[in-house]
Protein backbone atom coordinates (compact mmCIF):
# COMPACT_ATOMS: atom_id res chain seq x y z
CA MET A 1 -7.85 -1.61 4.61
CA THR A 2 -5.09 -3.38 6.65
CA ALA A 3 -2.94 -1.48 8.67
CA THR A 4 0.10 -2.86 6.86
CA SER A 5 0.43 -5.31 4.62
CA HIS A 6 0.70 -7.97 7.24
CA THR A 7 -1.89 -7.94 8.96
CA LEU A 8 -6.20 -8.20 8.65
CA THR A 9 -8.53 -6.19 9.61
CA ILE A 10 -11.42 -7.93 11.85
CA GLY A 11 -13.97 -7.90 8.94
CA GLU A 12 -11.31 -8.94 6.68
CA PHE A 13 -10.37 -11.86 8.89
CA ALA A 14 -14.02 -12.75 9.30
CA LYS A 15 -14.53 -12.13 5.41
CA ALA A 16 -11.54 -14.55 4.39
CA ALA A 17 -12.36 -16.78 6.69
CA GLY A 18 -16.15 -17.74 6.42
CA THR A 19 -16.82 -16.49 9.60
CA THR A 20 -18.39 -13.77 11.65
CA PRO A 21 -16.57 -10.80 13.60
CA ARG A 22 -18.91 -11.85 16.56
CA THR A 23 -17.11 -15.40 16.63
CA LEU A 24 -13.86 -13.75 16.22
CA ARG A 25 -14.43 -11.53 19.34
CA HIS A 26 -14.88 -14.71 21.12
CA PHE A 27 -12.17 -17.01 20.61
CA GLU A 28 -10.76 -14.02 21.38
CA SER A 29 -12.34 -13.41 24.88
CA LEU A 30 -11.33 -17.62 25.50
CA GLY A 31 -7.83 -16.55 24.53
CA LEU A 32 -7.71 -18.93 21.74
CA ILE A 33 -6.29 -16.09 19.05
CA ARG A 34 -4.88 -12.81 19.57
CA ALA A 35 -5.41 -9.16 18.25
CA THR A 36 -3.23 -6.07 18.03
CA ARG A 37 -4.92 -2.68 18.32
CA ALA A 38 -4.16 0.16 16.45
CA ALA A 39 -4.17 3.81 17.72
CA ASN A 40 -7.94 3.79 17.44
CA GLY A 41 -8.37 1.10 19.11
CA ARG A 42 -9.69 -1.45 16.21
CA ARG A 43 -8.40 -4.97 15.76
CA HIS A 44 -5.55 -6.41 13.57
CA TYR A 45 -4.29 -9.89 12.97
CA THR A 46 -1.55 -11.36 12.17
CA ALA A 47 -0.65 -14.34 9.90
CA GLU A 48 -0.37 -16.18 12.96
CA ALA A 49 -4.24 -15.48 14.53
CA VAL A 50 -4.79 -16.65 10.96
CA THR A 51 -3.19 -20.09 11.41
CA THR A 52 -4.15 -20.30 14.79
CA PHE A 53 -7.78 -19.71 13.81
CA LEU A 54 -6.97 -22.61 11.17
CA HIS A 55 -6.17 -24.74 14.23
CA ILE A 56 -8.99 -23.99 16.12
CA MET A 57 -11.07 -25.17 13.19
CA THR A 58 -9.52 -28.34 12.30
CA LEU A 59 -9.79 -29.34 16.22
CA LYS A 60 -13.70 -28.38 16.12
CA ASN A 61 -14.03 -30.25 12.99
CA ALA A 62 -12.52 -33.32 14.67
CA GLY A 63 -15.87 -32.65 17.71
CA PHE A 64 -13.66 -31.23 20.64
CA SER A 65 -15.18 -28.32 22.01
CA LEU A 66 -13.85 -24.62 22.60
CA LYS A 67 -13.01 -25.72 26.33
CA ASP A 68 -11.59 -29.01 25.17
CA ILE A 69 -9.04 -26.53 22.85
CA SER A 70 -8.50 -23.52 25.61
CA GLY A 71 -7.33 -26.55 27.70
CA PHE A 72 -4.94 -27.73 25.07
CA THR A 73 -3.58 -24.05 24.61
CA GLN A 74 -1.96 -24.00 28.35
CA GLN A 75 -0.35 -27.68 28.55
CA PRO A 76 0.97 -30.25 26.83
CA ILE A 77 -1.50 -32.84 24.86
CA LYS A 78 -1.39 -36.03 26.45
CA ILE A 79 -2.23 -37.33 23.27
CA ASP A 80 -3.11 -41.12 23.97
CA MET A 81 -5.45 -39.98 26.81
CA VAL A 82 -6.85 -37.06 25.02
CA LEU A 83 -7.81 -39.81 21.85
CA LYS A 84 -9.23 -42.34 23.68
CA THR A 85 -11.19 -39.96 25.83
CA HIS A 86 -12.70 -37.96 22.13
CA ILE A 87 -13.12 -41.73 20.84
CA ALA A 88 -15.39 -42.19 23.65
CA PHE A 89 -17.20 -38.86 23.85
CA LEU A 90 -18.08 -39.36 20.25
CA GLU A 91 -19.23 -42.57 20.27
CA HIS A 92 -21.92 -41.66 22.87
CA LYS A 93 -22.90 -38.67 21.10
CA LEU A 94 -22.98 -41.23 18.08
CA ARG A 95 -25.22 -43.78 19.74
CA GLU A 96 -27.24 -40.97 20.99
CA THR A 97 -28.00 -39.44 17.41
CA GLU A 98 -28.37 -43.14 15.72
CA LYS A 99 -31.29 -43.84 18.58
CA ALA A 100 -32.73 -40.26 17.69
CA LEU A 101 -32.64 -40.92 13.92
CA LYS A 102 -34.17 -44.14 14.27
CA THR A 103 -37.10 -43.08 16.57
CA LEU A 104 -37.78 -40.36 13.88
CA LYS A 105 -37.72 -42.55 11.02
CA GLY A 106 -39.84 -45.17 13.14
CA LEU A 107 -42.04 -42.67 13.52
CA ASP A 108 -42.36 -41.51 10.31
CA ALA A 109 -42.87 -45.03 8.90
CA GLN A 110 -46.36 -45.26 10.97
CA PRO A 111 -49.20 -44.35 8.48
CA GLN A 112 -51.41 -42.23 11.15
CA THR A 113 -48.44 -40.21 11.59
CA ASN A 114 -49.27 -38.72 7.58
CA GLU A 115 -52.91 -39.49 8.37
CA ALA A 116 -55.15 -38.46 11.00
CA LEU A 117 -52.01 -36.94 13.18
CA SER A 118 -50.75 -35.22 11.07
CA THR A 119 -51.54 -31.66 12.80
CA ILE A 120 -50.67 -32.47 16.55
CA ASN A 121 -49.91 -30.54 20.06
CA LEU A 122 -46.33 -30.70 21.89
CA LYS A 123 -47.29 -33.16 24.56
CA GLU A 124 -49.02 -35.58 21.72
CA PHE A 125 -45.88 -35.26 19.44
CA CYS A 126 -43.92 -35.89 23.14
CA GLN A 127 -45.65 -39.20 23.07
CA LEU A 128 -45.67 -40.59 20.11
CA LEU A 129 -41.88 -40.53 20.34
CA HIS A 130 -41.70 -41.96 23.63
CA LYS A 131 -43.37 -44.62 22.38
CA THR A 132 -42.03 -45.09 19.16
CA THR A 133 -38.38 -45.16 21.37
CA HIS A 134 -40.35 -47.37 23.54
CA ASN A 135 -41.08 -50.05 21.36
CA LEU A 136 -37.86 -50.24 19.01
CA ASP A 137 -35.91 -50.34 22.46
CA LYS A 138 -38.27 -53.59 23.15
CA GLU A 139 -37.92 -54.61 19.85
CA ALA A 140 -34.00 -54.72 19.33
CA LEU A 141 -33.46 -55.63 22.94
CA ARG A 142 -35.76 -59.14 22.50
CA PRO A 143 -33.04 -61.38 21.60
CA LEU A 144 -31.12 -60.55 24.60
CA LEU A 145 -34.42 -60.78 26.84
CA GLU A 146 -34.92 -64.06 25.45
CA LYS A 147 -31.94 -65.09 25.94
CA HIS A 148 -31.77 -64.62 29.08
CA PHE A 149 -35.51 -64.95 30.89
CA THR A 150 -38.00 -67.22 30.18
CA ALA A 151 -41.26 -66.02 29.03
CA PRO A 152 -43.19 -65.89 32.60
CA GLU A 153 -39.52 -64.35 34.01
CA ARG A 154 -40.52 -61.62 31.22
CA ALA A 155 -43.63 -61.08 32.52
CA LEU A 156 -42.98 -60.96 36.16
CA TRP A 157 -40.48 -58.21 35.09
CA GLU A 158 -42.35 -56.03 33.63
CA GLN A 159 -45.78 -56.20 35.29
CA THR A 160 -43.02 -55.46 38.54
CA ALA A 161 -41.68 -52.80 36.60
CA ASN A 162 -45.25 -51.13 36.13
CA ARG A 163 -46.09 -51.86 39.53
CA HIS A 164 -43.50 -49.74 41.15
CA PHE A 165 -43.22 -47.31 38.55
CA PRO A 166 -46.85 -46.23 37.32
CA PRO A 167 -46.43 -43.82 34.46
CA THR A 168 -47.02 -41.00 36.92
CA ASP A 169 -43.84 -41.75 38.43
CA ARG A 170 -42.34 -43.27 35.52
CA ALA A 171 -40.90 -39.52 33.79
CA LEU A 172 -39.63 -38.17 37.04
CA TYR A 173 -37.79 -41.91 37.63
CA SER A 174 -36.46 -41.73 33.80
CA LEU A 175 -35.22 -37.99 34.53
CA LYS A 176 -33.29 -39.05 37.76
CA TRP A 177 -31.47 -41.88 35.26
CA ASP A 178 -31.01 -39.69 32.37
CA SER A 179 -28.86 -36.77 34.56
CA LEU A 180 -27.19 -39.41 36.03
CA ILE A 181 -26.21 -40.96 33.16
CA LYS A 182 -25.29 -37.73 31.98
CA ARG A 183 -23.01 -36.70 34.93
CA ILE A 184 -21.19 -40.58 35.01
CA HIS A 185 -20.24 -39.10 31.65
CA ASN A 186 -18.71 -36.36 32.15
CA ALA A 187 -16.83 -37.52 34.99
CA LEU A 188 -15.72 -40.13 32.48
CA GLN A 189 -14.10 -37.22 30.29
CA ARG A 190 -12.75 -34.99 33.24
CA HIS A 191 -10.85 -38.20 34.36
CA ILE A 192 -12.44 -38.80 37.43
CA GLN A 193 -11.21 -41.98 39.11
CA PRO A 194 -13.46 -44.70 40.06
CA ALA A 195 -11.91 -44.94 43.94
CA SER A 196 -12.46 -40.83 44.21
CA GLU A 197 -15.35 -39.27 46.47
CA GLU A 198 -16.98 -38.36 43.17
CA ALA A 199 -17.22 -41.21 41.77
CA ALA A 200 -18.26 -42.61 45.23
CA GLN A 201 -21.27 -40.39 45.28
CA LEU A 202 -22.49 -41.26 41.67
CA ALA A 203 -22.20 -45.18 43.06
CA ALA A 204 -24.44 -44.49 45.49
CA GLU A 205 -26.78 -42.61 43.47
CA TRP A 206 -27.14 -45.71 41.13
CA LEU A 207 -27.47 -47.87 43.97
CA GLU A 208 -30.13 -45.85 45.26
CA LEU A 209 -32.06 -45.63 42.23
CA GLN A 210 -32.18 -49.03 41.26
CA LYS A 211 -32.60 -50.55 44.74
CA PRO A 212 -36.51 -50.71 44.83
CA LEU A 213 -36.40 -52.63 41.81
CA GLN A 214 -33.53 -54.95 42.73
CA ASP A 215 -35.47 -55.88 46.00
CA ALA A 216 -39.00 -55.87 44.18
CA LEU A 217 -37.47 -59.08 41.61
CA GLY A 218 -35.19 -60.72 43.64
CA LYS A 219 -32.20 -61.75 44.20
CA GLU A 220 -32.15 -64.63 41.49
CA LEU A 221 -34.36 -61.91 39.10
CA TRP A 222 -31.89 -59.23 39.08
CA SER A 223 -28.89 -61.25 38.68
CA LYS A 224 -30.36 -62.34 35.89
CA THR A 225 -30.55 -58.30 34.65
CA ALA A 226 -27.19 -57.74 35.95
CA SER A 227 -25.91 -60.23 33.07
CA LEU A 228 -28.26 -59.26 30.76
CA TYR A 229 -26.23 -55.75 30.91
CA GLU A 230 -23.05 -57.35 30.74
CA ASP A 231 -23.84 -59.40 27.34
CA MET A 232 -25.55 -56.51 25.80
CA HIS A 233 -22.12 -54.33 25.79
CA SER A 234 -20.93 -56.45 23.78
CA SER A 235 -23.82 -58.07 21.34
CA PRO A 236 -25.30 -56.12 18.48
CA GLN A 237 -27.86 -54.55 21.00
CA SER A 238 -24.86 -52.42 22.50
CA LYS A 239 -26.25 -49.39 20.27
CA ASN A 240 -29.61 -49.97 21.85
CA ALA A 241 -28.22 -49.83 25.72
CA PRO A 242 -29.35 -47.07 27.91
CA PHE A 243 -25.55 -46.46 28.78
CA SER A 244 -21.81 -47.26 27.46
CA ALA A 245 -19.96 -49.66 28.65
CA GLU A 246 -17.62 -47.49 29.95
CA ILE A 247 -20.03 -45.77 32.26
CA LEU A 248 -21.05 -49.07 33.39
CA GLN A 249 -17.22 -50.85 33.79
CA PHE A 250 -17.15 -46.91 35.91
CA ILE A 251 -19.72 -47.72 38.25
CA GLN A 252 -19.20 -51.18 38.97
CA SER A 253 -15.20 -50.42 39.78
CA ALA A 254 -16.76 -47.15 41.81
CA ALA A 255 -19.19 -49.05 43.90
CA HIS A 256 -16.39 -51.63 44.70
CA HIS A 257 -13.91 -48.49 45.81
CA ARG A 258 -16.82 -47.78 47.77
CA LYS A 259 -17.80 -50.69 49.40
CA ALA A 260 -13.77 -51.93 49.92
CA ALA A 261 -13.58 -47.73 51.43
CA GLY A 262 -16.68 -49.07 54.29
CA HIS A 263 -19.29 -46.64 52.93
CA LEU A 264 -21.59 -50.07 52.34
CA ALA A 265 -22.40 -52.81 55.35
CA GLU A 266 -20.88 -56.17 53.81
């Protein structure tokens, strides 16, 4: 029963909205919706709270996080910047989802998955996923690799990579790259400028991670590698790129500013 004909109890609100009292309490704790309190301390919600809840769900369905939505309530929304940033975020999530789906479908299509390997342990499952992802990426990128490298150069590239990053070290190296790419993506979400000190630090980590392979490959082969990544983001293979064009542009700009500021030797 409502306190008045114009308010809802938390149970009535949750039932009408198809949600839970816990969710409503969480939204209230974030300052997204407000409840009035009856003399007995029970929460009651007005029509305004119901409208606010609908706004929140509209934004969540568009892919915005509760943190994003909370920010919208605190200051005017710069619509152009918000849309561009959020579109880039959703495109990033879409690439990750498509890649995951492709890996799972690729693994499912292998005959041994449903026969000899129908029951495996966690380690074996992860190894299968990693191997499938690697093979699918390699096959998808084959046209670009053949465009930028001769057959001997491709063999040299792979031999050099295997020599500098054997399987025992490759997992840690991959984790470092994954972590760095996620932090750069987060910086883009927060509108960090390439000329900032944070961007300079991210660029420094990027350069440090690529330096061993860059030194081993030599100037000519590394230059071709850089051209491949530039070409990748304007090709059909862009969805297989390990990072987005926005991340590459951000790091290139941050590295330029970092060098201009004297962080790197000329």
